[in-house]
Amino acid sequence: MKILASIIIRLALAETFCNSCGILCLDEPTTNLDENHTKALAKALREIIQSRSEDQNFQLVVITHDPVFVDLIGNDYCDQFWEVKKDNRNFSMFDLKPISAIFGQ
């Protein structure tokens, strides 16, 4: 519960102080969250996305290995994502993919 509360407080601070900036970046936000708290975080993010959908400068960047979390956030506002992986020489490779590729559709 403390972890989710900490994340929600950070989201509220980001929304308060970064309105003109427009970029919100979360790195592995579901780490150490149980299912209920993951759902609550996804709901809060959906509300932020909906309230900021008219802002031209708003970007949400979520770095995650959790496809269930991506599904909970929803793909109403996103149709592509960047997949990062290592090649055989251990260099990072970036691939732009459709959001449907997360679920093998």
N, C-alpha and C. Protein backbone atom coordinates (compact mmCIF):
# COMPACT_ATOMS: atom_id res chain seq x y z
N MET A 1 0.81 -1.19 0.00
CA MET A 1 0.00 0.00 0.00
C MET A 1 0.86 1.26 0.00
N LYS A 2 1.98 1.22 0.77
CA LYS A 2 2.86 2.38 0.84
C LYS A 2 3.48 2.68 -0.52
N ILE A 3 3.80 1.64 -1.27
CA ILE A 3 4.41 1.83 -2.59
C ILE A 3 3.42 2.51 -3.52
N LEU A 4 2.18 2.04 -3.55
CA LEU A 4 1.17 2.65 -4.40
C LEU A 4 0.92 4.10 -3.97
N ALA A 5 0.84 4.34 -2.69
CA ALA A 5 0.63 5.71 -2.21
C ALA A 5 1.78 6.61 -2.66
N SER A 6 2.98 6.10 -2.60
CA SER A 6 4.14 6.87 -3.05
C SER A 6 4.06 7.20 -4.53
N ILE A 7 3.65 6.23 -5.34
CA ILE A 7 3.52 6.46 -6.78
C ILE A 7 2.42 7.47 -7.06
N ILE A 8 1.28 7.34 -6.39
CA ILE A 8 0.16 8.28 -6.59
C ILE A 8 0.57 9.69 -6.20
N ILE A 9 1.31 9.83 -5.10
CA ILE A 9 1.79 11.15 -4.69
C ILE A 9 2.72 11.72 -5.75
N ARG A 10 3.60 10.90 -6.29
CA ARG A 10 4.51 11.37 -7.35
C ARG A 10 3.73 11.80 -8.59
N LEU A 11 2.69 11.03 -8.94
CA LEU A 11 1.86 11.41 -10.08
C LEU A 11 1.17 12.75 -9.83
N ALA A 12 0.66 12.94 -8.63
CA ALA A 12 -0.01 14.20 -8.30
C ALA A 12 0.98 15.36 -8.36
N LEU A 13 2.18 15.17 -7.84
CA LEU A 13 3.20 16.22 -7.91
C LEU A 13 3.59 16.52 -9.35
N ALA A 14 3.74 15.46 -10.14
CA ALA A 14 4.09 15.66 -11.55
C ALA A 14 3.00 16.44 -12.26
N GLU A 15 1.75 16.10 -12.00
CA GLU A 15 0.63 16.81 -12.63
C GLU A 15 0.57 18.26 -12.18
N THR A 16 0.91 18.52 -10.93
CA THR A 16 0.85 19.87 -10.39
C THR A 16 1.97 20.76 -10.91
N PHE A 17 3.19 20.24 -10.89
CA PHE A 17 4.34 21.07 -11.20
C PHE A 17 4.84 20.97 -12.64
N CYS A 18 4.35 20.02 -13.40
CA CYS A 18 4.88 19.81 -14.75
C CYS A 18 3.84 20.02 -15.84
N ASN A 19 2.81 20.80 -15.55
CA ASN A 19 1.77 21.03 -16.55
C ASN A 19 2.32 21.61 -17.84
N SER A 20 3.22 22.57 -17.74
CA SER A 20 3.73 23.18 -18.97
C SER A 20 4.75 22.28 -19.66
N CYS A 21 5.39 21.40 -18.91
CA CYS A 21 6.38 20.49 -19.49
C CYS A 21 5.69 19.45 -20.35
N GLY A 22 4.71 18.77 -19.81
CA GLY A 22 3.90 17.85 -20.57
C GLY A 22 4.42 16.43 -20.70
N ILE A 23 5.56 16.10 -20.10
CA ILE A 23 6.08 14.74 -20.22
C ILE A 23 6.06 14.08 -18.85
N LEU A 24 5.46 12.89 -18.80
CA LEU A 24 5.43 12.10 -17.58
C LEU A 24 6.05 10.75 -17.92
N CYS A 25 7.13 10.40 -17.24
CA CYS A 25 7.84 9.15 -17.52
C CYS A 25 7.84 8.28 -16.28
N LEU A 26 7.42 7.03 -16.45
CA LEU A 26 7.39 6.06 -15.36
C LEU A 26 8.23 4.85 -15.75
N ASP A 27 9.17 4.50 -14.90
CA ASP A 27 10.06 3.37 -15.16
C ASP A 27 9.66 2.21 -14.25
N GLU A 28 9.14 1.16 -14.85
CA GLU A 28 8.69 -0.04 -14.13
C GLU A 28 7.79 0.32 -12.93
N PRO A 29 6.68 1.02 -13.18
CA PRO A 29 5.84 1.48 -12.08
C PRO A 29 5.12 0.37 -11.32
N THR A 30 5.03 -0.84 -11.87
CA THR A 30 4.30 -1.90 -11.18
C THR A 30 5.20 -2.80 -10.35
N THR A 31 6.49 -2.50 -10.31
CA THR A 31 7.40 -3.30 -9.49
C THR A 31 6.94 -3.26 -8.04
N ASN A 32 6.81 -4.41 -7.43
CA ASN A 32 6.38 -4.59 -6.03
C ASN A 32 4.92 -4.24 -5.77
N LEU A 33 4.11 -4.08 -6.82
CA LEU A 33 2.69 -3.85 -6.62
C LEU A 33 1.92 -5.15 -6.82
N ASP A 34 0.92 -5.39 -5.98
CA ASP A 34 0.06 -6.55 -6.19
C ASP A 34 -0.98 -6.20 -7.26
N GLU A 35 -1.84 -7.14 -7.59
CA GLU A 35 -2.81 -6.96 -8.66
C GLU A 35 -3.75 -5.79 -8.42
N ASN A 36 -4.27 -5.67 -7.21
CA ASN A 36 -5.21 -4.59 -6.91
C ASN A 36 -4.56 -3.22 -7.03
N HIS A 37 -3.32 -3.10 -6.56
CA HIS A 37 -2.63 -1.82 -6.63
C HIS A 37 -2.21 -1.50 -8.07
N THR A 38 -1.89 -2.52 -8.83
CA THR A 38 -1.58 -2.31 -10.25
C THR A 38 -2.81 -1.77 -10.97
N LYS A 39 -3.97 -2.34 -10.67
CA LYS A 39 -5.21 -1.85 -11.27
C LYS A 39 -5.50 -0.41 -10.87
N ALA A 40 -5.25 -0.08 -9.60
CA ALA A 40 -5.49 1.28 -9.13
C ALA A 40 -4.55 2.28 -9.81
N LEU A 41 -3.31 1.89 -10.00
CA LEU A 41 -2.36 2.76 -10.70
C LEU A 41 -2.77 2.95 -12.15
N ALA A 42 -3.18 1.89 -12.82
CA ALA A 42 -3.63 1.99 -14.21
C ALA A 42 -4.85 2.91 -14.31
N LYS A 43 -5.76 2.81 -13.35
CA LYS A 43 -6.94 3.68 -13.35
C LYS A 43 -6.52 5.14 -13.20
N ALA A 44 -5.58 5.42 -12.31
CA ALA A 44 -5.10 6.79 -12.12
C ALA A 44 -4.44 7.32 -13.39
N LEU A 45 -3.66 6.47 -14.04
CA LEU A 45 -3.01 6.89 -15.29
C LEU A 45 -4.04 7.15 -16.39
N ARG A 46 -5.07 6.30 -16.47
CA ARG A 46 -6.13 6.53 -17.47
C ARG A 46 -6.80 7.88 -17.24
N GLU A 47 -7.03 8.22 -15.97
CA GLU A 47 -7.66 9.51 -15.65
C GLU A 47 -6.75 10.67 -16.06
N ILE A 48 -5.46 10.54 -15.84
CA ILE A 48 -4.51 11.58 -16.26
C ILE A 48 -4.51 11.69 -17.78
N ILE A 49 -4.46 10.56 -18.46
CA ILE A 49 -4.46 10.56 -19.93
C ILE A 49 -5.72 11.24 -20.44
N GLN A 50 -6.87 10.88 -19.89
CA GLN A 50 -8.13 11.48 -20.34
C GLN A 50 -8.18 12.97 -20.07
N SER A 51 -7.72 13.39 -18.90
CA SER A 51 -7.78 14.82 -18.58
C SER A 51 -6.78 15.64 -19.39
N ARG A 52 -5.71 15.02 -19.86
CA ARG A 52 -4.69 15.73 -20.61
C ARG A 52 -4.76 15.46 -22.11
N SER A 53 -5.77 14.74 -22.57
CA SER A 53 -5.84 14.33 -23.98
C SER A 53 -5.94 15.50 -24.95
N GLU A 54 -6.41 16.63 -24.50
CA GLU A 54 -6.52 17.81 -25.37
C GLU A 54 -5.22 18.62 -25.42
N ASP A 55 -4.31 18.35 -24.49
CA ASP A 55 -3.04 19.07 -24.45
C ASP A 55 -2.11 18.55 -25.55
N GLN A 56 -1.67 19.42 -26.41
CA GLN A 56 -0.82 18.99 -27.51
C GLN A 56 0.57 18.57 -27.05
N ASN A 57 1.03 19.07 -25.91
CA ASN A 57 2.38 18.75 -25.49
C ASN A 57 2.47 17.60 -24.50
N PHE A 58 1.37 16.92 -24.19
CA PHE A 58 1.40 15.85 -23.19
C PHE A 58 1.91 14.54 -23.79
N GLN A 59 2.89 13.94 -23.12
CA GLN A 59 3.41 12.63 -23.50
C GLN A 59 3.53 11.79 -22.24
N LEU A 60 3.05 10.57 -22.30
CA LEU A 60 3.23 9.61 -21.22
C LEU A 60 4.18 8.54 -21.72
N VAL A 61 5.27 8.34 -21.00
CA VAL A 61 6.25 7.31 -21.34
C VAL A 61 6.25 6.30 -20.20
N VAL A 62 5.94 5.06 -20.53
CA VAL A 62 5.92 3.99 -19.53
C VAL A 62 6.92 2.94 -19.97
N ILE A 63 7.90 2.69 -19.12
CA ILE A 63 8.89 1.65 -19.36
C ILE A 63 8.45 0.47 -18.50
N THR A 64 8.08 -0.63 -19.15
CA THR A 64 7.55 -1.76 -18.39
C THR A 64 7.78 -3.08 -19.12
N HIS A 65 7.82 -4.15 -18.33
CA HIS A 65 7.84 -5.51 -18.85
C HIS A 65 6.49 -6.19 -18.59
N ASP A 66 5.51 -5.42 -18.19
CA ASP A 66 4.23 -5.94 -17.72
C ASP A 66 3.12 -5.71 -18.76
N PRO A 67 2.86 -6.68 -19.65
CA PRO A 67 1.82 -6.50 -20.66
C PRO A 67 0.43 -6.37 -20.08
N VAL A 68 0.19 -6.95 -18.92
CA VAL A 68 -1.12 -6.83 -18.28
C VAL A 68 -1.35 -5.37 -17.88
N PHE A 69 -0.32 -4.70 -17.38
CA PHE A 69 -0.42 -3.29 -17.02
C PHE A 69 -0.72 -2.44 -18.24
N VAL A 70 -0.06 -2.74 -19.35
CA VAL A 70 -0.31 -2.02 -20.60
C VAL A 70 -1.77 -2.18 -21.00
N ASP A 71 -2.28 -3.39 -20.87
CA ASP A 71 -3.68 -3.65 -21.20
C ASP A 71 -4.62 -2.89 -20.26
N LEU A 72 -4.27 -2.82 -18.98
CA LEU A 72 -5.10 -2.11 -18.01
C LEU A 72 -5.13 -0.61 -18.30
N ILE A 73 -4.01 -0.06 -18.73
CA ILE A 73 -4.00 1.37 -19.09
C ILE A 73 -4.90 1.57 -20.30
N GLY A 74 -4.86 0.63 -21.22
CA GLY A 74 -5.69 0.72 -22.42
C GLY A 74 -4.91 1.27 -23.59
N ASN A 75 -5.39 0.99 -24.78
CA ASN A 75 -4.68 1.45 -25.98
C ASN A 75 -5.52 2.45 -26.77
N ASP A 76 -6.43 3.13 -26.10
CA ASP A 76 -7.26 4.13 -26.77
C ASP A 76 -6.44 5.29 -27.32
N TYR A 77 -5.32 5.58 -26.68
CA TYR A 77 -4.51 6.73 -27.07
C TYR A 77 -3.15 6.32 -27.63
N CYS A 78 -2.92 5.04 -27.76
CA CYS A 78 -1.61 4.55 -28.21
C CYS A 78 -1.81 3.44 -29.22
N ASP A 79 -1.11 3.53 -30.32
CA ASP A 79 -1.21 2.45 -31.30
C ASP A 79 0.15 1.85 -31.63
N GLN A 80 1.23 2.40 -31.05
CA GLN A 80 2.57 1.87 -31.29
C GLN A 80 3.38 1.92 -30.00
N PHE A 81 4.44 1.09 -29.96
CA PHE A 81 5.37 1.13 -28.83
C PHE A 81 6.75 0.77 -29.33
N TRP A 82 7.76 1.13 -28.55
CA TRP A 82 9.15 0.78 -28.88
C TRP A 82 9.55 -0.43 -28.06
N GLU A 83 10.01 -1.46 -28.73
CA GLU A 83 10.56 -2.63 -28.04
C GLU A 83 12.07 -2.49 -28.06
N VAL A 84 12.69 -2.66 -26.90
CA VAL A 84 14.13 -2.57 -26.78
C VAL A 84 14.65 -3.96 -26.44
N LYS A 85 15.62 -4.42 -27.20
CA LYS A 85 16.23 -5.72 -26.93
C LYS A 85 17.69 -5.68 -27.34
N LYS A 86 18.44 -6.71 -26.99
CA LYS A 86 19.86 -6.79 -27.30
C LYS A 86 20.07 -7.66 -28.53
N ASP A 87 21.03 -7.25 -29.37
CA ASP A 87 21.39 -8.09 -30.51
C ASP A 87 22.47 -9.08 -30.08
N ASN A 88 22.99 -9.87 -31.02
CA ASN A 88 23.96 -10.91 -30.67
C ASN A 88 25.31 -10.35 -30.22
N ARG A 89 25.55 -9.05 -30.44
CA ARG A 89 26.78 -8.41 -29.96
C ARG A 89 26.52 -7.62 -28.67
N ASN A 90 25.31 -7.79 -28.12
CA ASN A 90 24.89 -7.14 -26.87
C ASN A 90 24.68 -5.64 -27.01
N PHE A 91 24.37 -5.19 -28.23
CA PHE A 91 24.00 -3.80 -28.46
C PHE A 91 22.49 -3.67 -28.40
N SER A 92 22.01 -2.55 -27.91
CA SER A 92 20.57 -2.33 -27.83
C SER A 92 19.99 -2.10 -29.22
N MET A 93 18.85 -2.71 -29.46
CA MET A 93 18.12 -2.56 -30.71
C MET A 93 16.73 -2.02 -30.37
N PHE A 94 16.24 -1.10 -31.19
CA PHE A 94 14.93 -0.51 -30.99
C PHE A 94 14.04 -0.87 -32.16
N ASP A 95 12.85 -1.34 -31.86
CA ASP A 95 11.89 -1.75 -32.89
C ASP A 95 10.54 -1.07 -32.61
N LEU A 96 10.04 -0.32 -33.58
CA LEU A 96 8.71 0.27 -33.45
C LEU A 96 7.68 -0.77 -33.87
N LYS A 97 6.75 -1.08 -32.97
CA LYS A 97 5.76 -2.13 -33.22
C LYS A 97 4.36 -1.62 -32.92
N PRO A 98 3.36 -2.24 -33.53
CA PRO A 98 1.97 -1.90 -33.19
C PRO A 98 1.63 -2.41 -31.80
N ILE A 99 0.80 -1.70 -31.09
CA ILE A 99 0.43 -2.09 -29.72
C ILE A 99 -0.20 -3.48 -29.69
N SER A 100 -0.83 -3.88 -30.79
CA SER A 100 -1.45 -5.21 -30.85
C SER A 100 -0.41 -6.33 -30.75
N ALA A 101 0.86 -6.04 -31.04
CA ALA A 101 1.90 -7.07 -30.98
C ALA A 101 2.16 -7.53 -29.54
N ILE A 102 1.79 -6.73 -28.57
CA ILE A 102 1.97 -7.11 -27.18
C ILE A 102 1.17 -8.36 -26.86
N PHE A 103 0.01 -8.46 -27.47
CA PHE A 103 -0.89 -9.57 -27.16
C PHE A 103 -0.99 -10.57 -28.29
N GLY A 104 -0.08 -10.47 -29.27
CA GLY A 104 -0.05 -11.43 -30.36
C GLY A 104 -1.27 -11.39 -31.25
N GLN A 105 -1.89 -10.21 -31.36
CA GLN A 105 -3.11 -10.10 -32.19
C GLN A 105 -2.75 -9.86 -33.63
